[in-house]
Amino acid sequence: MFTFLIKEWLLPEVTMFLTLAAITVFGILTPEEALAGFSNPGVHTVGLLFIIGSAVQQTNIFHRIFDKILGTGESYKHTITRLMGSVMFFSAFMNNTPIVVILISVIKKWAVSRSLSPSKFLIPLSYAAILGGSITLIGTSTNLIVHGLLLDKGLPGFKLLDFVVFGLPLSVAGLIYMLIYGHHRLPNRKMLSDSLKEQEKDYLFEFTVPKSSTLVGKSVSTGGLRHLQDLFLIQIIRNKQTISPASNMDIMKENDKLIFSGNIDSAISIAKKFGLVLEIGSYENLSLYQRDNINLVEAVISGSSSLQDKKVKESNFRRRFNAAIVAIRRNNKNIVSGIGNLRLKPGDTLLLLTGKGFMQGDYSEDFYVVNSITLKQDLPPFKSRIAIYVLVGFILTASFEIFPVSLSAMIGAGIILATNTIKISEAYKALKWNVLILMAISIGIGAAVEKTGLALLISHILVNFNTGILLIAFLFYAITSGLTEIMNNIAAAALMFPVGYSIALQLGYDPKMFAMITAIAASCSFITPIGYQTNLLVYGPGGYRFSDYIKVGTPLSFITMVITVITAILIWS
């Protein structure tokens, strides 16, 4: 299982499901035990919060607030302080993924308008979202999954604000670190669409189809234009009408304009082969295609995408998403030719030329749209107020323990649906099934780790060091954090919770102590882009390299570990 997760041979939820199925087939768990995670209250609460978060996301409140918070950008440190502080606050009470998705677009537009590099702001954005999520029980799904595991043990679980004692010092320390040292380690790079503008004459071409061309009367597919070497058909312009993206069945006619992306050698080759006329000086600016229903969009491949490890030409991208891939950025390198044979990876940033209705779709299972000139329509003012009131009401009722967190979330989601603030179809789309399924399956695998005695064995090894609770807690945190960096936060939390529970029982400590360490260590992923979803989201748009996370995140991970372990020991010793 670990090899499959680390190598990313299959989607994480598929790997975990197959592992759970094998465990059940061999009789380690009963079917009831294997599927117990699907009835876990932590899983249910996360699903309900997805619905509330979707409604709040559509109010456009973050665009309005952060346009003011970012200010003029005259002082980098002042801007970072306002940005990270605000993101930490919102992430404490909302799912941080949609917050980061929205703010990537806001920050990039703001930075570019002031001739600043977005790469100086996007890693701080991700880190702030992660640290903010450690402030409350509902700040991240990891906290809720650990809370649910405590409940399964018959323990009272965490209250909404139990995490404040840890999350607030961590957030303050993280902000100070970025201001004093971290920002010096951040790169100064351009965003994909900007860097491509400097290369446009090398990859965007317009051909005219003359009467003598062999393509006249043929479809895109039969004419042989679909799988060209280092050249891709983006769209067809006919009588000033744009056909985009061009489909396999589109028939080419005399005087059609064919827009291709690729390299100059391939352009010359195709002109000779099909008798096309390459328009002189036709290397057009991509912004010319942001008209009518045609938009230029940047999107980041998600960690659970069905597109990963598929070649572009085998993915049916145009048909599935009504969009054509113009370029791809990976590891801070822009790829504009040979795209068809490229296998997509999580974190890849795609530059898309999109057709009508693209922005009204929900593609978050496959990729996150992080920059476009056309966004979904905001909720009407009345419905926006309902969404905000529901969020505030949820926070208050959960904070003052008027209702349990899960019941508060249920009431809030119920109000959202009953008032038709968002449609039921939008609520279904808001449920990130891959996350919920991964959470439920991870709980089952965690149960197997405990039932087989593996958790007890690992805990015995740590306890038998006889080095005292401080070093044991540090080792436990380091192992959990390491698993998060190479796998994912949910799996790491579910696997290490039974180990921490066993250590606590052997040493006579409150299990909540190691449960808290588990939750924070599994959430605070700073060293790799794959450890946490928000790191992956900013990876491509920021033009980052893997090494950037190591440089900036390693000291912060150490600081987080020290604060968490010492605070836990002071509270529970």
Protein backbone atom coordinates (compact mmCIF):
# COMPACT_ATOMS: atom_id res chain seq x y z
CA MET A 1 0.00 0.00 0.00
CA PHE A 2 2.74 2.46 0.97
CA THR A 3 4.57 1.88 -2.31
CA PHE A 4 1.42 2.50 -4.35
CA LEU A 5 0.64 5.69 -2.40
CA ILE A 6 4.18 7.05 -2.67
CA LYS A 7 4.63 6.13 -6.35
CA GLU A 8 1.08 7.36 -7.15
CA TRP A 9 0.43 4.32 -9.35
CA LEU A 10 -3.28 4.56 -8.51
CA LEU A 11 -5.53 7.22 -7.03
CA PRO A 12 -5.12 7.31 -3.21
CA GLU A 13 -8.73 6.29 -2.58
CA VAL A 14 -8.41 3.36 -5.02
CA THR A 15 -5.20 2.15 -3.35
CA MET A 16 -6.75 2.45 0.09
CA PHE A 17 -9.96 0.73 -0.99
CA LEU A 18 -8.10 -2.23 -2.52
CA THR A 19 -6.04 -2.51 0.66
CA LEU A 20 -9.17 -2.48 2.81
CA ALA A 21 -10.81 -5.08 0.56
CA ALA A 22 -7.77 -7.35 0.86
CA ILE A 23 -7.74 -6.94 4.63
CA THR A 24 -11.41 -7.93 4.75
CA VAL A 25 -11.02 -10.90 2.37
CA PHE A 26 -8.23 -12.33 4.54
CA GLY A 27 -10.46 -12.07 7.60
CA ILE A 28 -8.47 -9.45 9.48
CA LEU A 29 -11.59 -7.27 9.64
CA THR A 30 -15.25 -8.19 9.37
CA PRO A 31 -17.23 -6.34 6.68
CA GLU A 32 -18.93 -4.36 9.45
CA GLU A 33 -15.58 -3.28 10.89
CA ALA A 34 -14.18 -2.45 7.45
CA LEU A 35 -17.12 -0.19 6.59
CA ALA A 36 -17.50 1.39 10.03
CA GLY A 37 -15.76 4.54 8.80
CA PHE A 38 -18.76 5.40 6.62
CA SER A 39 -20.81 5.90 9.79
CA ASN A 40 -18.14 7.99 11.52
CA PRO A 41 -19.51 11.40 12.63
CA GLY A 42 -16.30 13.12 11.56
CA VAL A 43 -16.86 12.00 7.96
CA HIS A 44 -20.48 13.19 8.06
CA THR A 45 -19.49 16.57 9.47
CA VAL A 46 -16.92 17.16 6.72
CA GLY A 47 -19.56 16.41 4.08
CA LEU A 48 -22.03 18.86 5.62
CA LEU A 49 -19.34 21.54 5.85
CA PHE A 50 -18.64 21.10 2.14
CA ILE A 51 -22.23 22.18 1.45
CA ILE A 52 -22.03 25.23 3.73
CA GLY A 53 -18.63 26.16 2.30
CA SER A 54 -19.92 25.91 -1.27
CA ALA A 55 -22.66 28.43 -0.52
CA VAL A 56 -20.26 30.85 1.19
CA GLN A 57 -17.81 30.48 -1.69
CA GLN A 58 -20.45 31.70 -4.15
CA THR A 59 -21.08 34.91 -2.19
CA ASN A 60 -17.86 36.39 -3.62
CA ILE A 61 -17.09 37.68 -0.12
CA PHE A 62 -13.44 36.67 -0.36
CA HIS A 63 -12.88 38.67 -3.55
CA ARG A 64 -14.30 41.79 -1.92
CA ILE A 65 -12.48 41.36 1.38
CA PHE A 66 -9.06 40.46 0.02
CA ASP A 67 -9.03 43.14 -2.65
CA LYS A 68 -9.02 45.56 0.31
CA ILE A 69 -6.75 43.51 2.57
CA LEU A 70 -3.95 43.19 0.00
CA GLY A 71 -3.76 46.96 -0.34
CA THR A 72 -1.19 48.73 -2.50
CA GLY A 73 1.64 46.25 -1.97
CA GLU A 74 4.14 48.99 -1.15
CA SER A 75 5.42 47.01 1.85
CA TYR A 76 5.89 43.27 1.31
CA LYS A 77 5.93 42.49 5.02
CA HIS A 78 2.77 44.47 5.70
CA THR A 79 1.01 42.74 2.81
CA ILE A 80 2.11 39.26 3.94
CA THR A 81 0.98 40.01 7.49
CA ARG A 82 -2.49 41.07 6.35
CA LEU A 83 -2.77 38.21 3.86
CA MET A 84 -1.63 35.39 6.13
CA GLY A 85 -3.48 36.70 9.18
CA SER A 86 -6.77 36.95 7.28
CA VAL A 87 -6.38 33.54 5.64
CA MET A 88 -5.61 31.96 9.00
CA PHE A 89 -8.82 33.41 10.45
CA PHE A 90 -11.06 32.20 7.62
CA SER A 91 -9.35 28.79 7.42
CA ALA A 92 -10.11 28.22 11.09
CA PHE A 93 -13.81 28.03 10.28
CA MET A 94 -14.00 26.91 6.65
CA ASN A 95 -12.59 24.22 4.40
CA ASN A 96 -9.33 25.78 3.27
CA THR A 97 -9.29 24.31 -0.25
CA PRO A 98 -11.97 26.61 -1.76
CA ILE A 99 -10.43 29.58 0.06
CA VAL A 100 -7.07 28.93 -1.59
CA VAL A 101 -8.65 28.26 -5.00
CA ILE A 102 -10.41 31.64 -4.91
CA LEU A 103 -7.43 33.57 -3.56
CA ILE A 104 -4.96 32.19 -6.11
CA SER A 105 -6.88 34.10 -8.76
CA VAL A 106 -7.26 37.21 -6.59
CA ILE A 107 -3.59 37.30 -5.60
CA LYS A 108 -2.29 36.67 -9.11
CA LYS A 109 -4.34 39.48 -10.62
CA TRP A 110 -3.37 41.79 -7.78
CA ALA A 111 0.34 40.93 -8.01
CA VAL A 112 0.56 41.21 -11.80
CA SER A 113 -1.20 44.58 -11.76
CA ARG A 114 1.57 45.84 -9.46
CA SER A 115 4.46 44.14 -11.30
CA LEU A 116 5.00 41.74 -8.40
CA SER A 117 5.69 38.02 -8.64
CA PRO A 118 2.80 35.79 -7.45
CA SER A 119 5.39 33.23 -6.31
CA LYS A 120 6.22 35.56 -3.42
CA PHE A 121 2.69 35.21 -2.09
CA LEU A 122 1.26 31.79 -2.99
CA ILE A 123 3.30 29.51 -0.71
CA PRO A 124 2.56 31.88 2.20
CA LEU A 125 -1.12 31.60 1.20
CA SER A 126 -1.00 27.80 1.40
CA TYR A 127 0.94 27.74 4.66
CA ALA A 128 -1.46 30.24 6.23
CA ALA A 129 -4.42 28.07 5.23
CA ILE A 130 -2.77 25.00 6.78
CA LEU A 131 -1.85 26.78 10.01
CA GLY A 132 -5.27 28.42 10.26
CA GLY A 133 -6.87 25.00 9.96
CA SER A 134 -5.11 23.97 13.18
CA ILE A 135 -6.92 26.63 15.23
CA THR A 136 -10.31 24.89 15.50
CA LEU A 137 -11.82 21.43 15.30
CA ILE A 138 -13.50 22.23 11.98
CA GLY A 139 -10.46 23.89 10.41
CA THR A 140 -9.41 20.74 8.56
CA SER A 141 -10.79 17.31 7.81
CA THR A 142 -7.84 15.77 9.67
CA ASN A 143 -8.98 17.30 12.96
CA LEU A 144 -12.48 15.96 12.43
CA ILE A 145 -11.31 12.47 11.51
CA VAL A 146 -9.20 12.25 14.69
CA HIS A 147 -12.16 13.60 16.68
CA GLY A 148 -14.33 10.86 15.17
CA LEU A 149 -11.75 8.20 16.07
CA LEU A 150 -11.80 9.38 19.69
CA LEU A 151 -15.59 9.07 19.73
CA ASP A 152 -15.29 5.53 18.36
CA LYS A 153 -13.15 4.71 21.40
CA GLY A 154 -15.90 5.92 23.72
CA LEU A 155 -13.95 9.06 24.63
CA PRO A 156 -15.57 12.52 24.66
CA GLY A 157 -13.63 13.84 21.68
CA PHE A 158 -12.55 17.43 21.09
CA LYS A 159 -14.54 20.62 21.47
CA LEU A 160 -14.52 23.26 18.75
CA LEU A 161 -11.96 25.49 20.44
CA ASP A 162 -9.73 22.83 22.04
CA PHE A 163 -7.29 23.38 19.19
CA VAL A 164 -6.88 27.12 19.85
CA VAL A 165 -4.16 26.55 22.46
CA PHE A 166 -2.11 24.85 19.74
CA GLY A 167 -3.26 26.50 16.54
CA LEU A 168 -2.92 30.11 17.65
CA PRO A 169 0.75 29.86 18.74
CA LEU A 170 1.51 27.84 15.60
CA SER A 171 -0.10 30.48 13.39
CA VAL A 172 1.72 33.35 15.09
CA ALA A 173 5.03 31.48 14.90
CA GLY A 174 4.42 30.66 11.23
CA LEU A 175 3.73 34.29 10.40
CA ILE A 176 6.83 35.51 12.25
CA TYR A 177 8.93 32.85 10.51
CA MET A 178 7.74 33.95 7.06
CA LEU A 179 8.40 37.62 7.88
CA ILE A 180 11.90 37.09 9.28
CA TYR A 181 13.30 34.21 7.23
CA GLY A 182 10.84 32.32 5.05
CA HIS A 183 10.19 35.05 2.49
CA HIS A 184 13.91 35.22 1.65
CA ARG A 185 13.73 31.60 0.47
CA LEU A 186 10.77 32.19 -1.84
CA PRO A 187 11.54 32.33 -5.59
CA ASN A 188 10.67 35.24 -7.84
CA ARG A 189 8.99 33.66 -10.86
CA LYS A 190 6.36 34.52 -13.44
CA MET A 191 2.95 32.92 -13.86
CA LEU A 192 2.28 30.60 -16.78
CA SER A 193 0.11 32.91 -18.89
CA ASP A 194 2.57 35.80 -18.49
CA SER A 195 5.65 33.77 -19.37
CA LEU A 196 3.86 32.36 -22.40
CA LYS A 197 3.15 35.84 -23.71
CA GLU A 198 6.89 36.28 -24.13
CA GLN A 199 7.04 33.04 -26.16
CA GLU A 200 3.87 33.39 -28.20
CA LYS A 201 5.58 33.83 -31.57
CA ASP A 202 7.18 30.45 -30.96
CA TYR A 203 4.00 28.49 -30.54
CA LEU A 204 0.77 30.09 -31.81
CA PHE A 205 0.09 29.94 -35.57
CA GLU A 206 -2.73 30.82 -37.94
CA PHE A 207 -3.20 28.99 -41.24
CA THR A 208 -5.63 29.72 -44.06
CA VAL A 209 -7.19 26.78 -45.91
CA PRO A 210 -6.97 27.61 -49.67
CA LYS A 211 -9.19 25.99 -52.29
CA SER A 212 -6.29 23.76 -53.37
CA SER A 213 -5.72 22.33 -49.88
CA THR A 214 -6.25 18.60 -49.37
CA LEU A 215 -8.19 19.42 -46.20
CA VAL A 216 -11.17 21.06 -47.92
CA GLY A 217 -14.28 18.97 -47.29
CA LYS A 218 -12.60 16.74 -44.72
CA SER A 219 -13.25 16.54 -41.00
CA VAL A 220 -10.58 17.31 -38.42
CA SER A 221 -10.21 13.60 -37.75
CA THR A 222 -10.18 12.25 -41.33
CA GLY A 223 -7.96 15.13 -42.45
CA GLY A 224 -5.28 13.93 -40.03
CA LEU A 225 -5.17 16.99 -37.78
CA ARG A 226 -5.84 15.34 -34.44
CA HIS A 227 -2.56 13.60 -33.59
CA LEU A 228 0.09 15.75 -35.21
CA GLN A 229 3.72 15.76 -34.11
CA ASP A 230 4.37 18.76 -31.83
CA LEU A 231 1.38 20.69 -33.18
CA PHE A 232 -2.21 20.89 -31.96
CA LEU A 233 -5.34 22.34 -33.51
CA ILE A 234 -6.92 24.77 -31.06
CA GLN A 235 -9.79 26.30 -33.01
CA ILE A 236 -11.26 27.12 -36.41
CA ILE A 237 -12.35 30.62 -37.45
CA ARG A 238 -14.95 30.73 -40.24
CA ASN A 239 -16.50 33.99 -41.46
CA LYS A 240 -15.42 35.67 -38.22
CA GLN A 241 -17.20 32.94 -36.21
CA THR A 242 -15.06 30.91 -33.84
CA ILE A 243 -15.39 27.13 -33.48
CA SER A 244 -13.59 26.29 -30.26
CA PRO A 245 -12.49 23.80 -29.28
CA ALA A 246 -12.41 22.14 -32.69
CA SER A 247 -14.00 18.69 -32.57
CA ASN A 248 -13.11 15.61 -34.59
CA MET A 249 -16.27 15.96 -36.69
CA ASP A 250 -15.85 19.60 -37.74
CA ILE A 251 -15.62 19.83 -41.56
CA MET A 252 -13.03 22.24 -42.95
CA LYS A 253 -13.96 24.64 -45.71
CA GLU A 254 -12.18 26.96 -48.09
CA ASN A 255 -10.84 30.13 -46.41
CA ASP A 256 -11.15 28.65 -42.91
CA LYS A 257 -8.59 29.95 -40.45
CA LEU A 258 -6.93 27.18 -38.42
CA ILE A 259 -5.26 28.15 -35.14
CA PHE A 260 -2.54 25.77 -33.96
CA SER A 261 -0.17 25.65 -30.99
CA GLY A 262 3.27 24.09 -31.33
CA ASN A 263 6.75 24.82 -32.65
CA ILE A 264 7.81 26.56 -35.84
CA ASP A 265 9.34 23.47 -37.48
CA SER A 266 6.07 21.58 -37.16
CA ALA A 267 4.16 24.59 -38.48
CA ILE A 268 6.26 24.72 -41.66
CA SER A 269 5.95 20.96 -42.09
CA ILE A 270 2.16 20.95 -41.84
CA ALA A 271 1.85 23.88 -44.26
CA LYS A 272 3.71 21.87 -46.91
CA LYS A 273 1.89 18.62 -46.19
CA PHE A 274 -1.67 19.94 -46.42
CA GLY A 275 -1.14 22.92 -48.72
CA LEU A 276 -1.97 25.47 -46.05
CA VAL A 277 -1.02 29.13 -46.09
CA LEU A 278 0.80 30.30 -42.97
CA GLU A 279 -0.31 33.87 -42.45
CA ILE A 280 2.64 36.27 -42.24
CA GLY A 281 2.77 38.07 -38.91
CA SER A 282 -0.12 36.03 -37.58
CA TYR A 283 1.47 35.17 -34.26
CA GLU A 284 -1.43 36.60 -32.37
CA ASN A 285 -1.61 37.56 -28.73
CA LEU A 286 -3.57 35.03 -26.70
CA SER A 287 -5.66 37.82 -25.21
CA LEU A 288 -7.34 38.18 -28.63
CA TYR A 289 -9.03 34.87 -27.97
CA GLN A 290 -10.60 36.10 -24.73
CA ARG A 291 -13.68 37.32 -26.53
CA ASP A 292 -17.29 36.29 -26.98
CA ASN A 293 -17.55 32.85 -25.36
CA ILE A 294 -13.85 32.07 -25.63
CA ASN A 295 -11.75 32.40 -22.47
CA LEU A 296 -8.18 31.75 -21.44
CA VAL A 297 -8.13 29.78 -18.20
CA GLU A 298 -5.47 28.36 -15.90
CA ALA A 299 -6.31 25.13 -14.08
CA VAL A 300 -4.36 22.88 -11.70
CA ILE A 301 -4.67 19.08 -11.90
CA SER A 302 -5.97 17.83 -8.54
CA GLY A 303 -4.46 15.02 -6.52
CA SER A 304 -7.50 12.81 -7.16
CA SER A 305 -7.90 13.62 -10.85
CA SER A 306 -9.00 10.92 -13.27
CA LEU A 307 -6.64 12.60 -15.76
CA GLN A 308 -3.42 11.82 -13.91
CA ASP A 309 -1.01 9.48 -15.65
CA LYS A 310 -3.06 9.72 -18.86
CA LYS A 311 -1.62 11.10 -22.08
CA VAL A 312 -3.37 14.27 -23.20
CA LYS A 313 -4.29 12.76 -26.56
CA GLU A 314 -5.88 9.76 -24.81
CA SER A 315 -7.85 11.78 -22.26
CA ASN A 316 -10.65 13.06 -24.57
CA PHE A 317 -10.01 16.44 -22.98
CA ARG A 318 -11.75 18.53 -25.65
CA ARG A 319 -14.90 16.40 -25.59
CA ARG A 320 -15.10 16.06 -21.81
CA PHE A 321 -14.44 19.66 -20.84
CA ASN A 322 -15.12 21.74 -23.96
CA ALA A 323 -11.60 23.12 -23.74
CA ALA A 324 -8.28 22.85 -25.58
CA ILE A 325 -4.90 22.66 -23.82
CA VAL A 326 -2.63 25.42 -25.14
CA ALA A 327 0.29 24.81 -22.79
CA ILE A 328 1.28 23.01 -19.60
CA ARG A 329 3.58 24.12 -16.81
CA ARG A 330 5.42 21.51 -14.77
CA ASN A 331 8.34 22.10 -12.39
CA ASN A 332 8.47 25.72 -13.54
CA LYS A 333 8.92 24.67 -17.17
CA ASN A 334 6.43 25.67 -19.87
CA ILE A 335 5.54 22.88 -22.26
CA VAL A 336 3.96 24.07 -25.52
CA SER A 337 4.89 21.29 -27.90
CA GLY A 338 4.57 17.54 -27.71
CA ILE A 339 1.61 18.04 -25.39
CA GLY A 340 -0.34 15.11 -26.79
CA ASN A 341 2.18 12.54 -25.54
CA LEU A 342 2.60 14.13 -22.13
CA ARG A 343 1.18 12.23 -19.16
CA LEU A 344 -0.62 14.59 -16.80
CA LYS A 345 0.46 14.73 -13.15
CA PRO A 346 -1.10 16.26 -10.00
CA GLY A 347 0.04 19.86 -9.71
CA ASP A 348 0.39 20.41 -13.46
CA THR A 349 -0.95 23.82 -14.50
CA LEU A 350 -2.90 23.77 -17.75
CA LEU A 351 -3.43 26.83 -19.91
CA LEU A 352 -6.85 26.21 -21.48
CA LEU A 353 -8.75 27.85 -24.30
CA THR A 354 -12.33 27.20 -23.22
CA GLY A 355 -15.65 27.17 -25.00
CA LYS A 356 -19.13 28.34 -24.08
CA GLY A 357 -20.38 27.35 -20.64
CA PHE A 358 -17.03 26.08 -19.38
CA MET A 359 -17.04 28.19 -16.23
CA GLN A 360 -20.52 27.00 -15.26
CA GLY A 361 -19.23 23.46 -14.87
CA ASP A 362 -17.74 21.87 -11.77
CA TYR A 363 -14.51 20.08 -12.57
CA SER A 364 -12.96 20.04 -9.08
CA GLU A 365 -12.67 16.25 -9.10
CA ASP A 366 -10.20 16.61 -11.98
CA PHE A 367 -8.78 20.12 -11.73
CA TYR A 368 -9.23 23.47 -10.00
CA VAL A 369 -9.72 26.60 -12.08
CA VAL A 370 -7.43 29.18 -10.49
CA ASN A 371 -7.40 32.01 -13.02
CA SER A 372 -9.91 33.12 -15.63
CA ILE A 373 -11.62 36.25 -16.86
CA THR A 374 -15.10 34.78 -16.49
CA LEU A 375 -16.26 33.38 -13.17
CA LYS A 376 -19.45 31.75 -12.00
CA GLN A 377 -22.27 34.13 -11.24
CA ASP A 378 -22.44 35.25 -7.62
CA LEU A 379 -25.40 34.41 -5.43
CA PRO A 380 -28.12 37.09 -5.25
CA PRO A 381 -27.72 39.45 -2.23
CA PHE A 382 -30.53 37.78 -0.25
CA LYS A 383 -29.07 34.29 -0.67
CA SER A 384 -25.57 35.59 0.01
CA ARG A 385 -26.76 36.91 3.37
CA ILE A 386 -28.33 33.55 4.20
CA ALA A 387 -25.03 31.78 3.47
CA ILE A 388 -23.06 34.18 5.66
CA TYR A 389 -25.61 34.01 8.50
CA VAL A 390 -25.56 30.21 8.38
CA LEU A 391 -21.76 30.17 8.65
CA VAL A 392 -21.78 32.60 11.58
CA GLY A 393 -24.61 30.68 13.27
CA PHE A 394 -22.74 27.41 12.86
CA ILE A 395 -19.59 28.87 14.42
CA LEU A 396 -21.50 30.33 17.39
CA THR A 397 -23.62 27.26 18.17
CA ALA A 398 -20.59 24.98 17.97
CA SER A 399 -18.30 27.34 19.92
CA PHE A 400 -20.71 27.77 22.83
CA GLU A 401 -21.61 24.06 22.70
CA ILE A 402 -25.29 24.79 22.16
CA PHE A 403 -25.26 21.81 19.80
CA PRO A 404 -22.60 19.22 18.96
CA VAL A 405 -20.46 20.19 15.97
CA SER A 406 -22.06 17.55 13.75
CA LEU A 407 -25.59 18.72 14.62
CA SER A 408 -24.68 22.38 14.07
CA ALA A 409 -23.32 21.44 10.64
CA MET A 410 -26.48 19.45 9.87
CA ILE A 411 -28.73 22.38 10.78
CA GLY A 412 -26.63 24.80 8.74
CA ALA A 413 -26.61 22.59 5.64
CA GLY A 414 -30.35 22.01 6.09
CA ILE A 415 -31.05 25.75 6.06
CA ILE A 416 -28.89 26.21 2.96
CA LEU A 417 -30.90 23.55 1.10
CA ALA A 418 -34.34 24.47 2.50
CA THR A 419 -33.95 28.10 1.41
CA ASN A 420 -32.60 27.01 -2.00
CA THR A 421 -29.52 29.14 -1.37
CA ILE A 422 -27.77 26.65 -3.60
CA LYS A 423 -29.52 24.05 -5.72
CA ILE A 424 -29.56 20.43 -4.63
CA SER A 425 -27.49 19.57 -7.72
CA GLU A 426 -24.84 22.08 -6.58
CA ALA A 427 -24.88 20.52 -3.11
CA TYR A 428 -24.15 17.11 -4.64
CA LYS A 429 -21.25 18.61 -6.59
CA ALA A 430 -19.97 20.32 -3.44
CA LEU A 431 -19.53 16.94 -1.75
CA LYS A 432 -15.94 15.94 -2.47
CA TRP A 433 -16.64 12.24 -2.63
CA ASN A 434 -13.00 11.31 -3.06
CA VAL A 435 -12.17 13.01 0.25
CA LEU A 436 -15.13 11.49 2.10
CA ILE A 437 -14.45 8.00 0.76
CA LEU A 438 -10.75 8.29 1.57
CA MET A 439 -11.61 9.34 5.13
CA ALA A 440 -14.01 6.43 5.63
CA ILE A 441 -11.62 3.86 4.15
CA SER A 442 -8.68 5.20 6.17
CA ILE A 443 -10.63 4.62 9.37
CA GLY A 444 -11.09 0.98 8.39
CA ILE A 445 -7.38 0.55 7.67
CA GLY A 446 -6.56 2.24 10.98
CA ALA A 447 -8.77 -0.31 12.71
CA ALA A 448 -6.82 -3.09 11.00
CA VAL A 449 -3.51 -1.58 12.16
CA GLU A 450 -4.83 -1.79 15.71
CA LYS A 451 -6.50 -5.20 15.45
CA THR A 452 -3.44 -6.93 13.97
CA GLY A 453 -1.27 -5.67 16.80
CA LEU A 454 0.85 -3.52 14.48
CA ALA A 455 -0.06 -0.36 16.40
CA LEU A 456 0.92 -2.05 19.66
CA LEU A 457 4.21 -3.23 18.15
CA ILE A 458 5.17 0.24 16.90
CA SER A 459 4.16 1.81 20.21
CA HIS A 460 6.27 -0.76 22.12
CA ILE A 461 9.30 0.12 19.98
CA LEU A 462 8.89 3.82 20.74
CA VAL A 463 8.17 3.32 24.44
CA ASN A 464 11.08 0.90 24.91
CA PHE A 465 13.55 3.60 23.95
CA ASN A 466 13.22 4.65 27.62
CA THR A 467 14.07 8.20 26.63
CA GLY A 468 11.18 9.91 28.38
CA ILE A 469 7.90 11.29 27.15
CA LEU A 470 9.48 14.31 25.43
CA LEU A 471 11.59 12.35 22.96
CA ILE A 472 8.85 9.75 22.42
CA ALA A 473 6.42 12.54 21.52
CA PHE A 474 8.97 14.09 19.16
CA LEU A 475 9.56 10.75 17.42
CA PHE A 476 5.83 10.13 17.13
CA TYR A 477 5.28 13.60 15.62
CA ALA A 478 8.17 13.13 13.18
CA ILE A 479 6.87 9.76 11.95
CA THR A 480 3.34 11.10 11.47
CA SER A 481 4.61 14.21 9.70
CA GLY A 482 6.85 12.11 7.46
CA LEU A 483 3.92 9.91 6.42
CA THR A 484 1.89 13.01 5.58
CA GLU A 485 4.62 14.43 3.35
CA ILE A 486 4.88 11.27 1.23
CA MET A 487 1.24 10.05 1.34
CA ASN A 488 -1.60 12.34 2.43
CA ASN A 489 -2.87 13.85 5.65
CA ILE A 490 -6.00 11.72 6.08
CA ALA A 491 -4.22 8.39 5.62
CA ALA A 492 -1.40 9.44 7.96
CA ALA A 493 -3.86 10.45 10.70
CA ALA A 494 -5.88 7.24 10.45
CA LEU A 495 -2.77 5.04 10.49
CA MET A 496 -1.00 6.80 13.37
CA PHE A 497 -3.99 7.39 15.65
CA PRO A 498 -4.05 3.78 16.98
CA VAL A 499 -0.28 3.96 17.55
CA GLY A 500 -0.63 7.15 19.59
CA TYR A 501 -3.60 5.70 21.46
CA SER A 502 -1.53 2.65 22.42
CA ILE A 503 1.44 4.79 23.54
CA ALA A 504 -0.86 6.88 25.75
CA LEU A 505 -2.30 3.79 27.45
CA GLN A 506 1.14 2.27 28.06
CA LEU A 507 2.56 5.46 29.56
CA GLY A 508 -0.58 6.43 31.47
CA TYR A 509 -1.27 9.62 29.52
CA ASP A 510 -4.59 10.97 28.30
CA PRO A 511 -5.17 9.58 24.75
CA LYS A 512 -6.23 13.08 23.75
CA MET A 513 -2.61 14.19 24.03
CA PHE A 514 -1.41 11.91 21.26
CA ALA A 515 -4.64 12.42 19.32
CA MET A 516 -3.89 16.15 19.24
CA ILE A 517 -0.29 15.53 18.15
CA THR A 518 -1.60 13.20 15.44
CA ALA A 519 -4.06 15.77 14.10
CA ILE A 520 -1.54 18.60 13.91
CA ALA A 521 1.38 16.53 12.61
CA ALA A 522 -0.84 15.06 9.88
CA SER A 523 -2.16 18.50 8.87
CA CYS A 524 0.96 20.65 8.99
CA SER A 525 2.59 19.59 5.74
CA PHE A 526 5.07 22.17 4.48
CA ILE A 527 7.97 20.22 2.94
CA THR A 528 6.38 18.76 -0.21
CA PRO A 529 3.65 19.89 -2.62
CA ILE A 530 1.92 16.50 -2.39
CA GLY A 531 1.44 16.33 1.38
CA TYR A 532 -1.51 18.71 1.50
CA GLN A 533 -4.01 19.80 -1.14
CA THR A 534 -3.35 23.55 -0.79
CA ASN A 535 0.38 23.03 -1.41
CA LEU A 536 -0.49 21.21 -4.63
CA LEU A 537 -2.90 23.97 -5.68
CA VAL A 538 -0.26 26.72 -5.59
CA TYR A 539 2.51 24.51 -7.02
CA GLY A 540 1.88 25.25 -10.71
CA PRO A 541 0.38 28.78 -10.53
CA GLY A 542 3.34 29.93 -8.44
CA GLY A 543 5.88 28.41 -10.82
CA TYR A 544 7.42 26.52 -7.91
CA ARG A 545 9.86 23.63 -7.93
CA PHE A 546 9.76 20.73 -5.50
CA SER A 547 12.92 22.09 -3.87
CA ASP A 548 11.19 25.39 -3.05
CA TYR A 549 8.94 23.62 -0.56
CA ILE A 550 11.93 21.90 1.04
CA LYS A 551 13.81 25.19 1.43
CA VAL A 552 10.89 27.16 2.86
CA GLY A 553 8.98 24.40 4.62
CA THR A 554 11.63 22.40 6.49
CA PRO A 555 12.42 25.02 9.16
CA LEU A 556 8.70 25.72 9.58
CA SER A 557 7.99 22.01 10.07
CA PHE A 558 10.62 21.87 12.81
CA ILE A 559 9.16 24.94 14.53
CA THR A 560 5.68 23.43 14.35
CA MET A 561 6.88 20.15 15.85
CA VAL A 562 8.62 21.84 18.79
CA ILE A 563 5.65 24.05 19.67
CA THR A 564 3.11 21.23 19.34
CA VAL A 565 4.99 18.66 21.41
CA ILE A 566 5.99 21.03 24.20
CA THR A 567 2.47 22.49 24.43
CA ALA A 568 0.94 19.01 24.57
CA ILE A 569 3.25 17.91 27.36
CA LEU A 570 2.62 21.09 29.36
CA ILE A 571 -1.15 20.62 29.10
CA TRP A 572 -1.40 16.88 29.73
CA SER A 573 1.63 16.12 31.93
